Amino acid sequence: MLAATPAHAEADRGGGALNAFVRARLAQEAGEPAAALSELKTVASLAPDLPGVRGQILEQAIQAGDFVAARGAARALWKSGERRFDAQLVLLVDALRRSDWKGARALLAGRPDKAGVDAVARLITPAINAWIDVGARAPNPERHLIAASPAARPEPALLLEAALVELAAGRPADAVAQVDTIMLSDRSSQLVALRVAASLDRASETAAAKQLRGRIALAAGERDDPLLLLPDQPVSSPPAGVAHWLGLLADGLSRTPHSRPAVPLLFARAAHWLNAEDQQVRTALVEALERNGQRESALALLSGGREPLPPVLGLRRAELLADGGEVTRALAAAEAAVKGDGQPRSLLLRLADLARRSGDSDAALRAYSRLEAGLGEREEDIALRALLLISRADLLLKADDWDGAETLIEQAVALRPDDATVLNFAGYSALERRKNVERSLRRIEAAWQKEPQDPSITDSLGWAYFLTGRIEDAVPLLEKAQRGDPENAVIVEHLGDAYWQAGRRFSARYVWRAASLTAEADMATRIAAKLRDGLTPATVAP
């Protein structure tokens, strides 16, 4: 009977809300947004007036991909007058999914940028307004995008998006005329141009589509951009148009150094809710999730579909598996993804990297052979052939076959005698085995003259001086290398050894301890011995 009184009921609700809130925080810290969302819903039901809960529900719903929960939280926030951008975007997605053009337009104007400083809103407003007009059958929907591209400094991506809008509005002739005036001067414009080309094909403008694809290939050059390797997908409806634009923004924001992962994830999630069949959107969401620490969610997007993944996405799935420690399964998935002839060079290079990570030298050699088969006599092909030679040599060195490796190394040096990477590998590989010490030193010095800011080459030269007894010359170079790559355990161990030989014993032990934090098994054992006994001939780094 006591439990039934209002005071006790209120206390029970308060205690239950507090416990649920604590569990939600723990789930957030553990990177489990679905569990955090469930607990926050409990908090909201027990303490509906608790400040900040609706905002946290919205954030966790976006991370978890729960559109219904995100929409409910966004509506509550918007109704209460809390006009957050994430709430606005979720409600816009809802309106676009329901073809509510009037509601979408009202939402887009619901957060006025009075100071003119809302850069994120300016990125999305012209495109969304244009696609809303397409849905509402308003005249000249492309005007929003054209107006947003200043005549003095045209924005090619915006102008190409205007052509895409014209195609969706049933005006292919206007779109073709618009495209012919636009320079594909940056990556974003090339990605939008791909969508325009696919949409031109769909509109039976095949000649214009072919010409545009040629311009894209010329602008992209030798760059095998993962998004440019996706299958063609036209854009013809307002939800698909807004999804494509948000996905493009999410991809660009993910590549921005030091940006918060929540922003590209918001854009990518909104895009995916609008068009889950869009491969560029799916790619953007995969990368946003992985960047936000949600690798399992990213993998789920690349698993279990009815259609086989495009090779570039199949390989990305393999890389995510490898990052999660499933290297054997990852290699099998990677080889399946890029089987067959005609695969882009960049995918074969990534396959070879996965093979090396898995320790499967046979698989790496297969990938190298496939790469070599497609090489010609252009300068970039000769450079890649030299790198493949030293990669194959590295496999032989791991098998303790110096003679076989040396033959390949010398072939690489003959092909690229002025290549800093080749010279550094050739010199260091011989030096760590105490082979041809003077020639090895000359090669490393030549490499360093070409790339003095490269931490790896700087480390090689410092270590070469250490091994030839030039300790005073070695220390400043190794210090510079360590500043350039402070988490590289090999470089840090080298610096510790040099400090010890220079008589700086305290500094040596300090940096050895730092190296031990990221050292692999053999190195960790060697460093432990040095920390215990000091540097001895048996514990000098290789």
Protein backbone atom coordinates (compact mmCIF):
# COMPACT_ATOMS: atom_id res chain seq x y z
CA MET A 1 0.00 0.00 0.00
CA LEU A 2 2.89 2.34 0.77
CA ALA A 3 4.31 1.78 -2.72
CA ALA A 4 1.03 2.89 -4.21
CA THR A 5 1.09 6.36 -2.61
CA PRO A 6 1.93 9.31 -4.90
CA ALA A 7 5.13 10.12 -3.02
CA HIS A 8 6.47 6.60 -3.40
CA ALA A 9 5.38 6.39 -7.02
CA GLU A 10 7.22 9.65 -7.74
CA ALA A 11 10.33 8.35 -5.98
CA ASP A 12 10.19 5.11 -7.96
CA ARG A 13 9.91 7.04 -11.20
CA GLY A 14 12.82 9.29 -10.23
CA GLY A 15 15.04 6.40 -9.25
CA GLY A 16 14.12 4.48 -12.38
CA ALA A 17 14.84 7.50 -14.58
CA LEU A 18 18.21 8.04 -12.91
CA ASN A 19 19.21 4.40 -13.32
CA ALA A 20 18.13 4.41 -16.96
CA PHE A 21 20.06 7.62 -17.57
CA VAL A 22 23.22 6.11 -16.08
CA ARG A 23 22.80 3.01 -18.26
CA ALA A 24 22.31 5.26 -21.29
CA ARG A 25 25.54 7.11 -20.57
CA LEU A 26 27.43 3.86 -20.15
CA ALA A 27 26.04 2.59 -23.47
CA GLN A 28 27.05 5.85 -25.18
CA GLU A 29 30.58 5.55 -23.84
CA ALA A 30 30.72 1.93 -25.02
CA GLY A 31 29.68 2.99 -28.55
CA GLU A 32 26.29 1.23 -28.40
CA PRO A 33 23.79 3.82 -29.68
CA ALA A 34 20.85 1.40 -29.96
CA ALA A 35 21.19 0.43 -26.30
CA ALA A 36 21.64 4.08 -25.30
CA LEU A 37 18.52 5.01 -27.27
CA SER A 38 16.46 2.34 -25.53
CA GLU A 39 17.50 3.61 -22.10
CA LEU A 40 16.89 7.23 -23.05
CA LYS A 41 13.36 6.35 -24.14
CA THR A 42 12.84 4.93 -20.67
CA VAL A 43 14.16 8.16 -19.15
CA ALA A 44 11.77 10.20 -21.30
CA SER A 45 8.79 8.07 -20.29
CA LEU A 46 9.59 8.35 -16.58
CA ALA A 47 10.80 11.96 -16.55
CA PRO A 48 9.37 13.67 -19.67
CA ASP A 49 10.36 17.16 -18.54
CA LEU A 50 14.03 16.35 -17.91
CA PRO A 51 16.06 18.92 -19.88
CA GLY A 52 18.19 17.66 -22.78
CA VAL A 53 16.71 14.16 -23.03
CA ARG A 54 14.94 14.71 -26.35
CA GLY A 55 18.13 16.08 -27.86
CA GLN A 56 20.09 13.04 -26.70
CA ILE A 57 17.39 10.72 -28.06
CA LEU A 58 17.70 12.44 -31.43
CA GLU A 59 21.48 12.12 -31.47
CA GLN A 60 21.46 8.44 -30.50
CA ALA A 61 18.64 7.67 -32.96
CA ILE A 62 20.71 9.18 -35.77
CA GLN A 63 23.71 7.09 -34.77
CA ALA A 64 21.59 3.94 -34.46
CA GLY A 65 19.71 4.57 -37.71
CA ASP A 66 16.28 4.55 -36.04
CA PHE A 67 14.24 6.92 -38.20
CA VAL A 68 11.00 6.60 -36.21
CA ALA A 69 12.73 7.55 -32.95
CA ALA A 70 14.65 10.35 -34.64
CA ARG A 71 11.47 11.78 -36.16
CA GLY A 72 9.63 11.65 -32.83
CA ALA A 73 12.43 13.44 -30.99
CA ALA A 74 12.82 15.99 -33.78
CA ARG A 75 9.09 16.80 -33.72
CA ALA A 76 9.16 17.27 -29.94
CA LEU A 77 12.19 19.57 -30.14
CA TRP A 78 10.78 21.59 -33.02
CA LYS A 79 7.39 22.00 -31.32
CA SER A 80 9.06 23.19 -28.12
CA GLY A 81 10.88 25.90 -30.05
CA GLU A 82 14.30 24.21 -29.98
CA ARG A 83 15.11 24.69 -33.69
CA ARG A 84 18.21 22.51 -33.90
CA PHE A 85 19.73 21.80 -37.31
CA ASP A 86 19.67 18.02 -36.83
CA ALA A 87 15.96 18.17 -35.92
CA GLN A 88 15.28 20.33 -38.98
CA LEU A 89 17.08 17.89 -41.28
CA VAL A 90 15.26 14.84 -39.92
CA LEU A 91 11.89 16.60 -40.32
CA LEU A 92 12.85 17.61 -43.87
CA VAL A 93 13.59 13.96 -44.64
CA ASP A 94 10.18 13.02 -43.32
CA ALA A 95 8.44 15.69 -45.44
CA LEU A 96 10.33 14.67 -48.58
CA ARG A 97 9.52 11.00 -48.04
CA ARG A 98 5.84 11.96 -47.85
CA SER A 99 6.04 14.32 -50.88
CA ASP A 100 4.91 17.16 -48.59
CA TRP A 101 6.51 19.97 -50.60
CA LYS A 102 4.74 22.75 -48.73
CA GLY A 103 5.80 21.34 -45.38
CA ALA A 104 9.37 20.85 -46.58
CA ARG A 105 9.56 24.46 -47.76
CA ALA A 106 8.26 25.70 -44.41
CA LEU A 107 10.79 23.59 -42.55
CA LEU A 108 13.64 24.85 -44.70
CA ALA A 109 12.68 28.41 -43.74
CA GLY A 110 12.19 27.45 -40.09
CA ARG A 111 15.73 28.29 -38.99
CA PRO A 112 16.39 31.74 -40.47
CA ASP A 113 20.06 32.62 -40.66
CA LYS A 114 19.72 36.21 -39.51
CA ALA A 115 23.45 36.75 -39.14
CA GLY A 116 24.26 35.13 -42.48
CA VAL A 117 26.82 32.84 -40.88
CA ASP A 118 25.12 29.42 -41.01
CA ALA A 119 27.59 27.83 -43.40
CA VAL A 120 26.07 24.35 -43.13
CA ALA A 121 22.60 25.62 -44.04
CA ARG A 122 24.05 27.45 -47.05
CA LEU A 123 25.50 24.15 -48.26
CA ILE A 124 22.10 22.45 -48.38
CA THR A 125 19.47 25.16 -48.88
CA PRO A 126 19.88 25.87 -52.64
CA ALA A 127 19.87 22.18 -53.59
CA ILE A 128 16.94 21.24 -51.35
CA ASN A 129 14.91 24.24 -52.52
CA ALA A 130 15.53 23.24 -56.12
CA TRP A 131 14.46 19.62 -55.57
CA ILE A 132 11.36 20.75 -53.63
CA ASP A 133 10.43 22.86 -56.66
CA VAL A 134 10.86 19.81 -58.90
CA GLY A 135 8.39 17.92 -56.73
CA ALA A 136 5.98 20.86 -56.60
CA ARG A 137 6.31 21.37 -60.39
CA ALA A 138 7.34 24.97 -59.87
CA PRO A 139 8.86 26.77 -62.87
CA ASN A 140 12.64 26.97 -63.24
CA PRO A 141 13.59 24.97 -60.13
CA GLU A 142 17.27 25.24 -61.05
CA ARG A 143 17.23 28.99 -60.28
CA HIS A 144 18.10 28.38 -56.61
CA LEU A 145 21.35 26.64 -57.55
CA ILE A 146 22.32 29.08 -60.28
CA ALA A 147 21.75 32.01 -57.93
CA ALA A 148 23.97 30.34 -55.30
CA SER A 149 26.88 30.13 -57.77
CA PRO A 150 28.34 33.65 -58.10
CA ALA A 151 29.16 34.72 -61.64
CA ALA A 152 32.59 35.95 -60.57
CA ARG A 153 33.50 32.59 -59.01
CA PRO A 154 31.27 29.86 -60.45
CA GLU A 155 30.72 26.74 -58.36
CA PRO A 156 30.75 23.89 -60.91
CA ALA A 157 29.09 21.38 -58.56
CA LEU A 158 26.14 23.72 -58.03
CA LEU A 159 25.78 24.37 -61.75
CA LEU A 160 25.92 20.66 -62.55
CA GLU A 161 23.31 20.04 -59.88
CA ALA A 162 21.19 22.62 -61.69
CA ALA A 163 21.53 20.54 -64.87
CA LEU A 164 20.47 17.46 -62.90
CA VAL A 165 17.40 19.35 -61.69
CA GLU A 166 16.59 20.38 -65.27
CA LEU A 167 16.73 16.75 -66.35
CA ALA A 168 14.41 15.72 -63.51
CA ALA A 169 12.04 18.50 -64.55
CA GLY A 170 11.89 17.09 -68.08
CA ARG A 171 14.09 19.66 -69.84
CA PRO A 172 17.00 17.68 -71.29
CA ALA A 173 17.91 20.29 -73.91
CA ASP A 174 18.42 22.94 -71.22
CA ALA A 175 20.50 20.48 -69.20
CA VAL A 176 22.77 19.66 -72.15
CA ALA A 177 23.30 23.36 -72.87
CA GLN A 178 24.10 23.99 -69.19
CA VAL A 179 26.59 21.11 -68.93
CA ASP A 180 28.55 22.25 -71.98
CA THR A 181 29.51 25.51 -70.21
CA ILE A 182 30.83 23.97 -66.98
CA MET A 183 34.46 23.16 -66.15
CA LEU A 184 34.96 19.96 -64.11
CA SER A 185 37.55 21.64 -61.95
CA ASP A 186 37.27 19.69 -58.69
CA ARG A 187 36.32 16.32 -57.28
CA SER A 188 32.80 17.34 -56.29
CA SER A 189 32.02 18.54 -59.80
CA GLN A 190 33.26 15.24 -61.24
CA LEU A 191 31.05 13.25 -58.88
CA VAL A 192 27.96 15.32 -59.72
CA ALA A 193 28.85 15.06 -63.41
CA LEU A 194 28.73 11.26 -63.11
CA ARG A 195 25.11 11.53 -61.95
CA VAL A 196 24.33 13.94 -64.78
CA ALA A 197 25.83 11.54 -67.33
CA ALA A 198 23.73 8.63 -66.01
CA SER A 199 20.64 10.84 -66.02
CA LEU A 200 21.39 11.99 -69.59
CA ASP A 201 21.51 8.35 -70.66
CA ARG A 202 18.16 7.80 -68.99
CA ALA A 203 16.76 10.79 -70.92
CA SER A 204 18.06 9.24 -74.20
CA GLU A 205 20.72 11.97 -74.53
CA THR A 206 23.40 9.33 -75.14
CA ALA A 207 25.77 11.49 -77.20
CA ALA A 208 25.85 14.19 -74.52
CA ALA A 209 26.33 11.53 -71.82
CA LYS A 210 29.26 9.99 -73.68
CA GLN A 211 30.92 13.36 -74.18
CA LEU A 212 30.48 14.23 -70.49
CA ARG A 213 31.99 10.91 -69.38
CA GLY A 214 35.02 11.62 -71.52
CA ARG A 215 35.43 14.97 -69.80
CA ILE A 216 35.11 13.31 -66.38
CA ALA A 217 37.83 10.78 -67.25
CA LEU A 218 40.10 13.58 -68.51
CA ALA A 219 39.51 15.68 -65.38
CA ALA A 220 40.05 12.74 -63.00
CA GLY A 221 43.26 11.69 -64.78
CA GLU A 222 44.90 8.65 -63.22
CA ARG A 223 43.02 9.07 -59.93
CA ASP A 224 40.96 5.97 -59.10
CA ASP A 225 38.55 7.68 -56.72
CA PRO A 226 36.40 5.05 -54.95
CA LEU A 227 33.21 7.02 -55.64
CA LEU A 228 34.11 7.34 -59.32
CA LEU A 229 34.38 3.54 -59.44
CA LEU A 230 30.76 2.98 -58.38
CA PRO A 231 28.14 1.95 -60.96
CA ASP A 232 26.23 4.66 -62.79
CA GLN A 233 23.03 5.71 -61.02
CA PRO A 234 20.72 8.38 -62.44
CA VAL A 235 18.89 10.85 -60.21
CA SER A 236 15.33 11.64 -61.18
CA SER A 237 13.19 12.32 -58.08
CA PRO A 238 13.34 14.93 -55.29
CA PRO A 239 14.13 12.39 -52.50
CA ALA A 240 16.88 10.84 -54.64
CA GLY A 241 18.21 14.29 -55.56
CA VAL A 242 18.40 15.50 -51.97
CA ALA A 243 19.90 12.15 -50.91
CA HIS A 244 22.63 12.40 -53.54
CA TRP A 245 23.49 15.97 -52.50
CA LEU A 246 23.58 15.18 -48.77
CA GLY A 247 25.71 12.10 -49.46
CA LEU A 248 28.15 14.22 -51.44
CA LEU A 249 28.40 16.69 -48.55
CA ALA A 250 28.85 13.86 -46.05
CA ASP A 251 31.73 12.45 -48.09
CA GLY A 252 33.41 15.86 -48.31
CA LEU A 253 32.98 16.58 -44.60
CA SER A 254 34.39 13.17 -43.69
CA ARG A 255 37.56 14.12 -45.54
CA THR A 256 37.91 17.45 -43.72
CA PRO A 257 40.75 17.27 -41.16
CA HIS A 258 39.74 17.61 -37.50
CA SER A 259 36.00 17.78 -38.30
CA ARG A 260 33.53 16.28 -35.83
CA PRO A 261 32.31 12.86 -37.00
CA ALA A 262 28.73 13.68 -35.92
CA VAL A 263 28.18 16.12 -38.81
CA PRO A 264 29.03 13.84 -41.77
CA LEU A 265 27.14 11.03 -40.01
CA LEU A 266 24.04 13.24 -39.76
CA PHE A 267 24.16 14.08 -43.48
CA ALA A 268 24.90 10.50 -44.52
CA ARG A 269 22.15 9.05 -42.32
CA ALA A 270 19.60 11.55 -43.66
CA ALA A 271 20.65 10.71 -47.22
CA HIS A 272 20.31 6.98 -46.58
CA TRP A 273 16.84 7.44 -45.08
CA LEU A 274 15.87 9.19 -48.32
CA ASN A 275 17.38 6.68 -50.75
CA ALA A 276 18.90 3.48 -49.39
CA GLU A 277 19.53 2.21 -52.95
CA ASP A 278 22.04 4.96 -53.78
CA GLN A 279 25.55 3.46 -53.80
CA GLN A 280 27.32 6.79 -53.27
CA VAL A 281 25.06 7.44 -50.29
CA ARG A 282 25.75 3.99 -48.87
CA THR A 283 29.50 4.56 -49.29
CA ALA A 284 29.28 7.91 -47.51
CA LEU A 285 27.36 6.34 -44.62
CA VAL A 286 29.84 3.46 -44.33
CA GLU A 287 32.73 5.91 -44.01
CA ALA A 288 30.84 8.16 -41.58
CA LEU A 289 29.97 5.20 -39.35
CA GLU A 290 33.53 3.86 -39.39
CA ARG A 291 34.86 7.33 -38.53
CA ASN A 292 32.38 7.50 -35.64
CA GLY A 293 33.69 4.22 -34.21
CA GLN A 294 30.74 2.14 -35.49
CA ARG A 295 32.60 -0.43 -37.58
CA GLU A 296 30.04 -3.19 -37.02
CA SER A 297 27.25 -0.93 -38.26
CA ALA A 298 29.35 -0.03 -41.29
CA LEU A 299 29.92 -3.72 -42.02
CA ALA A 300 26.21 -4.43 -41.69
CA LEU A 301 25.55 -1.96 -44.53
CA LEU A 302 27.88 -4.00 -46.74
CA SER A 303 26.56 -7.44 -45.84
CA GLY A 304 23.54 -9.54 -46.65
CA GLY A 305 22.16 -7.65 -49.63
CA ARG A 306 20.26 -9.29 -52.46
CA GLU A 307 22.59 -7.94 -55.13
CA PRO A 308 26.38 -8.48 -55.15
CA LEU A 309 28.38 -5.49 -54.05
CA PRO A 310 30.28 -3.44 -56.63
CA PRO A 311 33.99 -4.41 -56.48
CA VAL A 312 35.02 -1.19 -54.75
CA LEU A 313 32.46 -1.74 -51.96
CA GLY A 314 33.28 -5.44 -51.70
CA LEU A 315 36.91 -4.50 -51.15
CA ARG A 316 35.93 -1.88 -48.58
CA ARG A 317 34.00 -4.55 -46.70
CA ALA A 318 37.13 -6.72 -46.72
CA GLU A 319 39.21 -3.86 -45.31
CA LEU A 320 36.72 -3.32 -42.49
CA LEU A 321 36.87 -7.03 -41.69
CA ALA A 322 40.66 -6.83 -41.55
CA ASP A 323 40.51 -3.75 -39.30
CA GLY A 324 38.37 -5.83 -36.94
CA GLY A 325 41.01 -8.59 -36.82
CA GLU A 326 39.40 -11.03 -39.28
CA VAL A 327 42.31 -10.93 -41.73
CA THR A 328 41.86 -14.43 -43.20
CA ARG A 329 38.18 -13.85 -43.90
CA ALA A 330 39.02 -10.37 -45.17
CA LEU A 331 41.51 -11.68 -47.72
CA ALA A 332 39.02 -14.21 -49.08
CA ALA A 333 36.40 -11.47 -49.39
CA ALA A 334 38.88 -9.13 -51.10
CA GLU A 335 39.94 -11.72 -53.68
CA ALA A 336 36.29 -12.50 -54.41
CA ALA A 337 35.49 -8.79 -54.77
CA VAL A 338 38.12 -8.05 -57.41
CA LYS A 339 38.23 -11.34 -59.31
CA GLY A 340 38.26 -11.17 -63.09
CA ASP A 341 40.12 -9.03 -65.59
CA GLY A 342 39.93 -5.29 -65.99
CA GLN A 343 39.96 -4.33 -62.34
CA PRO A 344 41.24 -0.79 -61.59
CA ARG A 345 44.83 -0.54 -60.47
CA SER A 346 43.90 1.06 -57.16
CA LEU A 347 41.76 -1.94 -56.17
CA LEU A 348 44.57 -4.38 -56.96
CA LEU A 349 46.96 -2.31 -54.85
CA ARG A 350 44.50 -2.46 -51.95
CA LEU A 351 44.14 -6.22 -52.46
CA ALA A 352 47.92 -6.60 -52.27
CA ASP A 353 47.99 -4.56 -49.07
CA LEU A 354 45.36 -6.83 -47.49
CA ALA A 355 47.32 -9.88 -48.55
CA ARG A 356 50.43 -8.52 -46.84
CA ARG A 357 48.45 -7.71 -43.70
CA SER A 358 47.19 -11.28 -43.60
CA GLY A 359 50.73 -12.66 -43.99
CA ASP A 360 49.76 -14.56 -47.14
CA SER A 361 52.75 -14.02 -49.44
CA ASP A 362 51.23 -16.17 -52.20
CA ALA A 363 48.15 -13.98 -52.32
CA ALA A 364 50.34 -10.86 -52.35
CA LEU A 365 52.38 -12.23 -55.24
CA ARG A 366 49.18 -13.00 -57.15
CA ALA A 367 48.07 -9.41 -56.70
CA TYR A 368 51.50 -8.10 -57.78
CA SER A 369 51.39 -10.29 -60.89
CA ARG A 370 47.99 -8.91 -61.83
CA LEU A 371 49.28 -5.39 -61.40
CA GLU A 372 52.42 -6.02 -63.45
CA ALA A 373 50.39 -7.52 -66.28
CA GLY A 374 48.70 -4.18 -66.86
CA LEU A 375 51.81 -1.98 -66.82
CA GLY A 376 53.19 -0.23 -69.89
CA GLU A 377 56.17 2.04 -70.45
CA ARG A 378 54.79 5.31 -69.18
CA GLU A 379 56.76 7.00 -66.43
CA GLU A 380 54.12 6.25 -63.80
CA ASP A 381 54.06 2.59 -64.89
CA ILE A 382 57.85 2.32 -64.53
CA ALA A 383 57.59 3.88 -61.07
CA LEU A 384 54.94 1.36 -60.04
CA ARG A 385 56.98 -1.53 -61.50
CA ALA A 386 59.92 -0.49 -59.30
CA LEU A 387 57.68 -0.35 -56.23
CA LEU A 388 56.32 -3.80 -57.03
CA LEU A 389 59.87 -5.11 -57.29
CA ILE A 390 60.75 -3.86 -53.82
CA SER A 391 57.43 -5.17 -52.48
CA ARG A 392 58.27 -8.63 -53.81
CA ALA A 393 61.79 -8.25 -52.41
CA ASP A 394 60.31 -7.45 -49.01
CA LEU A 395 58.39 -10.74 -49.09
CA LEU A 396 61.64 -12.58 -49.77
CA LEU A 397 63.40 -10.72 -46.97
CA LYS A 398 60.70 -11.84 -44.55
CA ALA A 399 61.54 -15.40 -45.66
CA ASP A 400 65.29 -14.71 -45.03
CA ASP A 401 66.12 -14.97 -48.74
CA TRP A 402 68.63 -12.12 -49.07
CA ASP A 403 70.10 -13.31 -52.36
CA GLY A 404 66.72 -13.47 -54.07
CA ALA A 405 65.69 -10.13 -52.61
CA GLU A 406 68.92 -8.40 -53.60
CA THR A 407 68.38 -9.30 -57.25
CA LEU A 408 64.95 -7.67 -57.23
CA ILE A 409 66.20 -4.64 -55.29
CA GLU A 410 68.94 -3.98 -57.82
CA GLN A 411 66.41 -4.26 -60.64
CA ALA A 412 64.29 -1.62 -58.90
CA VAL A 413 67.29 0.70 -58.44
CA ALA A 414 68.19 0.27 -62.12
CA LEU A 415 64.65 1.26 -63.10
CA ARG A 416 64.43 4.23 -60.71
CA PRO A 417 67.95 5.31 -59.65
CA ASP A 418 66.70 8.67 -58.36
CA ASP A 419 63.57 7.46 -56.54
CA ALA A 420 63.84 8.26 -52.82
CA THR A 421 61.56 5.38 -51.77
CA VAL A 422 63.50 2.83 -53.80
CA LEU A 423 66.89 4.14 -52.64
CA ASN A 424 65.82 4.16 -49.01
CA PHE A 425 64.48 0.60 -49.17
CA ALA A 426 67.59 -0.63 -50.97
CA GLY A 427 69.96 1.05 -48.52
CA TYR A 428 68.10 0.19 -45.33
CA SER A 429 67.42 -3.44 -46.27
CA ALA A 430 71.11 -4.04 -46.85
CA LEU A 431 72.22 -1.97 -43.88
CA GLU A 432 70.07 -3.79 -41.31
CA ARG A 433 71.72 -7.02 -42.51
CA ARG A 434 75.12 -5.31 -42.46
CA LYS A 435 75.53 -5.83 -46.22
CA ASN A 436 77.44 -3.34 -48.44
CA VAL A 437 77.47 -0.80 -45.65
CA GLU A 438 79.19 2.06 -47.50
CA ARG A 439 77.02 1.75 -50.61
CA SER A 440 73.91 1.42 -48.46
CA LEU A 441 74.84 4.59 -46.59
CA ARG A 442 75.32 6.49 -49.86
CA ARG A 443 71.91 5.36 -51.09
CA ILE A 444 70.16 6.44 -47.90
CA GLU A 445 71.95 9.81 -47.97
CA ALA A 446 70.79 10.30 -51.58
CA ALA A 447 67.23 9.41 -50.59
CA TRP A 448 67.32 11.86 -47.68
CA GLN A 449 68.61 14.66 -49.91
CA LYS A 450 65.47 14.20 -52.02
CA GLU A 451 62.99 13.76 -49.15
CA PRO A 452 64.48 15.37 -46.00
CA GLN A 453 61.04 15.75 -44.37
CA ASP A 454 60.11 12.07 -44.65
CA PRO A 455 60.31 10.56 -41.10
CA SER A 456 61.00 7.06 -42.43
CA ILE A 457 63.93 8.16 -44.60
CA THR A 458 65.23 10.44 -41.85
CA ASP A 459 65.13 7.46 -39.47
CA SER A 460 67.01 5.33 -42.00
CA LEU A 461 69.81 7.87 -42.28
CA GLY A 462 70.02 8.38 -38.53
CA TRP A 463 70.18 4.64 -38.00
CA ALA A 464 72.78 4.26 -40.73
CA TYR A 465 74.96 6.80 -38.89
CA PHE A 466 74.36 4.91 -35.63
CA LEU A 467 75.50 1.63 -37.16
CA THR A 468 78.62 3.22 -38.63
CA GLY A 469 79.58 4.79 -35.30
CA ARG A 470 78.54 8.39 -36.05
CA ILE A 471 76.44 8.77 -32.90
CA GLU A 472 76.60 12.57 -32.75
CA ASP A 473 75.20 12.75 -36.29
CA ALA A 474 72.62 10.03 -35.59
CA VAL A 475 70.88 11.58 -32.56
CA PRO A 476 69.51 14.81 -34.14
CA LEU A 477 68.29 12.93 -37.20
CA LEU A 478 66.51 10.31 -35.10
CA GLU A 479 65.00 13.05 -32.94
CA LYS A 480 63.67 14.71 -36.09
CA ALA A 481 62.25 11.40 -37.32
CA GLN A 482 60.56 10.81 -33.96
CA ARG A 483 58.96 14.26 -34.04
CA GLY A 484 57.62 13.50 -37.52
CA ASP A 485 56.17 10.10 -36.55
CA PRO A 486 56.00 9.91 -32.74
CA GLU A 487 53.93 6.70 -32.64
CA ASN A 488 56.32 4.67 -34.81
CA ALA A 489 57.83 2.17 -32.38
CA VAL A 490 60.75 1.36 -34.71
CA ILE A 491 61.85 4.99 -34.87
CA VAL A 492 61.42 5.48 -31.13
CA GLU A 493 63.48 2.37 -30.33
CA HIS A 494 66.24 3.57 -32.65
CA LEU A 495 66.30 6.90 -30.83
CA GLY A 496 66.55 5.13 -27.46
CA ASP A 497 69.52 3.08 -28.65
CA ALA A 498 71.24 6.22 -29.93
CA TYR A 499 70.62 8.04 -26.65
CA TRP A 500 72.18 5.15 -24.73
CA GLN A 501 75.29 5.15 -26.89
CA ALA A 502 75.53 8.92 -26.49
CA GLY A 503 75.55 8.48 -22.70
CA ARG A 504 72.01 9.83 -22.20
CA ARG A 505 70.78 6.85 -20.20
CA PHE A 506 67.71 8.47 -18.62
CA SER A 507 66.47 9.68 -22.02
CA ALA A 508 67.11 6.24 -23.50
CA ARG A 509 64.97 4.47 -20.90
CA TYR A 510 62.25 7.08 -21.27
CA VAL A 511 61.86 6.60 -25.03
CA TRP A 512 62.25 2.80 -24.79
CA ARG A 513 59.26 2.78 -22.43
CA ALA A 514 57.34 4.87 -24.97
CA ALA A 515 58.26 2.42 -27.75
CA SER A 516 57.15 -0.54 -25.64
CA LEU A 517 53.58 0.80 -25.57
CA THR A 518 53.08 0.03 -29.28
CA ALA A 519 55.77 -2.58 -29.86
CA GLU A 520 54.99 -5.98 -31.32
CA ALA A 521 56.08 -9.18 -29.58
CA ASP A 522 59.74 -9.48 -30.65
CA MET A 523 60.42 -5.79 -30.19
CA ALA A 524 58.65 -5.74 -26.82
CA THR A 525 60.86 -8.58 -25.57
CA ARG A 526 64.00 -6.82 -26.78
CA ILE A 527 62.98 -3.50 -25.20
CA ALA A 528 62.15 -5.22 -21.90
CA ALA A 529 65.70 -6.60 -21.84
CA LYS A 530 67.14 -3.16 -22.52
CA LEU A 531 65.08 -1.57 -19.78
CA ARG A 532 66.37 -4.22 -17.39
CA ASP A 533 70.02 -4.52 -18.47
CA GLY A 534 70.73 -1.52 -20.65
CA LEU A 535 71.85 -1.73 -24.29
CA THR A 536 73.95 -4.75 -25.21
CA PRO A 537 75.16 -6.04 -28.61
CA ALA A 538 72.41 -8.67 -28.44
CA THR A 539 69.62 -6.12 -27.91
CA VAL A 540 70.56 -3.45 -30.45
CA ALA A 541 67.60 -2.86 -32.77
CA PRO A 542 67.91 -4.60 -36.16
